[in-house]
Amino acid sequence: AGCCNARRDEHRVKCAGMSGRSMVRGIDRASNMKVTVARIYVTEGKHIHEKIFQRLHDEHKVKGVTVYRGITGFGKSGETHSSNLLDLSFDMPVVVEFFDTSDKVEIALDSISDLISPGHVLTFAADFS
């Protein structure tokens, strides 16, 4: 783990100075903080998920982002999109999920609205613990 020669899981705790607690970009996991989670549904083909990820990471510095690639899915059209070894589709469903405070999520979603089709965002409150 570089700076302290601890195992990866011990490194986060030791180097964050949290004595047994870990941090995720400024959130103390022991604090039971209320957050808002946003899920953005896009397709893989136009690489919109990469642009969304970059803005959330670089400009908004949200607490956490994960991008999921779907195996099978369908949307408004009802057409099924599926991946298999014989047909490597680039039109697969992708979910970009991120979380932060309610205010920060709202600001971030407003900022990236030019990349997202209406009706493709789901938000909900969650406890971070």
Protein backbone atom coordinates (compact mmCIF):
# COMPACT_ATOMS: atom_id res chain seq x y z
CA ALA A 1 0.00 0.00 0.00
CA GLY A 2 2.91 2.31 -0.59
CA CYS A 3 3.23 4.81 2.24
CA CYS A 4 2.89 2.50 5.26
CA ASN A 5 3.54 -1.05 3.95
CA ALA A 6 0.20 -2.22 5.37
CA ARG A 7 -2.22 -4.50 3.58
CA ARG A 8 -4.70 -2.61 1.38
CA ASP A 9 -7.61 -2.83 3.87
CA GLU A 10 -5.36 -1.80 6.78
CA HIS A 11 -3.78 0.98 4.73
CA ARG A 12 -7.04 2.90 4.29
CA VAL A 13 -7.61 2.90 8.03
CA LYS A 14 -4.02 3.54 9.13
CA CYS A 15 -3.22 6.27 6.64
CA ALA A 16 -6.57 8.01 7.07
CA GLY A 17 -5.79 8.22 10.78
CA MET A 18 -9.21 6.88 11.65
CA SER A 19 -8.19 4.12 14.14
CA GLY A 20 -10.55 1.41 12.99
CA ARG A 21 -12.88 3.44 10.75
CA SER A 22 -12.50 4.05 7.03
CA MET A 23 -13.32 7.10 4.93
CA VAL A 24 -14.89 7.45 1.51
CA ARG A 25 -13.96 10.83 0.03
CA GLY A 26 -14.72 12.78 3.18
CA ILE A 27 -17.40 10.60 4.79
CA ASP A 28 -16.69 8.89 8.08
CA ARG A 29 -18.40 5.50 7.68
CA ALA A 30 -19.17 5.42 11.40
CA SER A 31 -21.22 8.64 11.16
CA ASN A 32 -24.43 7.11 9.65
CA MET A 33 -24.69 10.07 7.29
CA LYS A 34 -27.82 10.59 5.17
CA VAL A 35 -27.02 10.65 1.45
CA THR A 36 -28.88 10.76 -1.83
CA VAL A 37 -28.15 8.10 -4.42
CA ALA A 38 -28.69 8.79 -8.12
CA ARG A 39 -28.87 6.12 -10.81
CA ILE A 40 -28.54 7.22 -14.41
CA TYR A 41 -29.57 4.80 -17.16
CA VAL A 42 -27.78 5.13 -20.51
CA THR A 43 -26.56 2.85 -23.28
CA GLU A 44 -22.94 1.99 -23.90
CA GLY A 45 -22.70 2.90 -27.59
CA LYS A 46 -22.11 6.66 -27.38
CA HIS A 47 -19.80 6.48 -24.33
CA ILE A 48 -22.04 8.90 -22.44
CA HIS A 49 -21.25 7.02 -19.23
CA GLU A 50 -17.59 8.01 -19.57
CA LYS A 51 -18.48 11.71 -19.90
CA ILE A 52 -20.84 11.49 -16.93
CA PHE A 53 -18.20 9.73 -14.84
CA GLN A 54 -15.55 12.35 -15.69
CA ARG A 55 -17.80 15.28 -14.75
CA LEU A 56 -18.91 13.67 -11.49
CA HIS A 57 -15.32 12.85 -10.55
CA ASP A 58 -13.44 15.90 -11.80
CA GLU A 59 -15.92 18.79 -11.58
CA HIS A 60 -18.32 17.79 -8.81
CA LYS A 61 -16.03 15.58 -6.72
CA VAL A 62 -18.98 13.52 -5.49
CA LYS A 63 -18.42 11.04 -2.68
CA GLY A 64 -18.58 7.93 -4.87
CA VAL A 65 -19.39 6.75 -8.41
CA THR A 66 -19.79 3.25 -9.84
CA VAL A 67 -20.54 2.35 -13.46
CA TYR A 68 -22.32 -0.95 -14.08
CA ARG A 69 -22.53 -2.67 -17.49
CA GLY A 70 -25.74 -4.62 -17.95
CA ILE A 71 -25.89 -8.19 -19.16
CA THR A 72 -29.43 -7.96 -20.51
CA GLY A 73 -31.98 -5.17 -20.53
CA PHE A 74 -34.75 -3.35 -22.32
CA GLY A 75 -36.07 0.16 -22.22
CA LYS A 76 -38.86 2.27 -23.67
CA SER A 77 -38.85 0.46 -27.02
CA GLY A 78 -39.21 -2.94 -25.37
CA GLU A 79 -36.38 -4.29 -27.54
CA THR A 80 -34.14 -6.67 -25.59
CA HIS A 81 -30.41 -5.95 -25.61
CA SER A 82 -28.19 -8.81 -24.57
CA SER A 83 -24.51 -9.64 -24.64
CA ASN A 84 -23.05 -13.00 -25.47
CA LEU A 85 -19.71 -14.19 -26.76
CA LEU A 86 -20.90 -14.44 -30.37
CA ASP A 87 -22.46 -10.97 -30.55
CA LEU A 88 -20.52 -8.27 -28.73
CA SER A 89 -23.12 -5.52 -28.72
CA PHE A 90 -22.13 -1.95 -27.94
CA ASP A 91 -25.72 -0.99 -27.24
CA MET A 92 -25.80 -2.56 -23.78
CA PRO A 93 -27.48 -0.92 -20.81
CA VAL A 94 -25.15 0.99 -18.49
CA VAL A 95 -26.01 2.38 -15.06
CA VAL A 96 -23.97 5.21 -13.56
CA GLU A 97 -24.65 5.34 -9.83
CA PHE A 98 -23.33 8.04 -7.53
CA PHE A 99 -24.01 9.44 -4.08
CA ASP A 100 -23.44 12.54 -1.99
CA THR A 101 -25.49 15.02 -0.01
CA SER A 102 -28.90 15.84 -1.41
CA ASP A 103 -27.84 19.36 -2.45
CA LYS A 104 -24.68 18.17 -4.18
CA VAL A 105 -26.54 15.41 -6.09
CA GLU A 106 -29.12 17.95 -7.30
CA ILE A 107 -26.40 20.33 -8.50
CA ALA A 108 -24.51 17.52 -10.24
CA LEU A 109 -27.65 16.22 -11.98
CA ASP A 110 -28.49 19.73 -13.22
CA SER A 111 -24.95 20.07 -14.56
CA ILE A 112 -25.00 16.79 -16.50
CA SER A 113 -28.60 17.06 -17.71
CA ASP A 114 -27.31 17.78 -21.24
CA LEU A 115 -25.99 14.19 -21.35
CA ILE A 116 -29.09 12.43 -20.02
CA SER A 117 -32.43 11.75 -21.69
CA PRO A 118 -35.53 12.72 -19.67
CA GLY A 119 -36.86 9.86 -17.57
CA HIS A 120 -33.49 8.10 -17.23
CA VAL A 121 -32.61 9.14 -13.66
CA LEU A 122 -33.72 7.57 -10.40
CA THR A 123 -32.86 9.12 -7.04
CA PHE A 124 -33.45 7.93 -3.51
CA ALA A 125 -32.37 8.68 0.06
CA ALA A 126 -30.06 6.25 1.84
CA ASP A 127 -28.10 5.88 5.06
CA PHE A 128 -24.34 5.66 4.64
CA SER A 129 -22.96 3.44 7.36
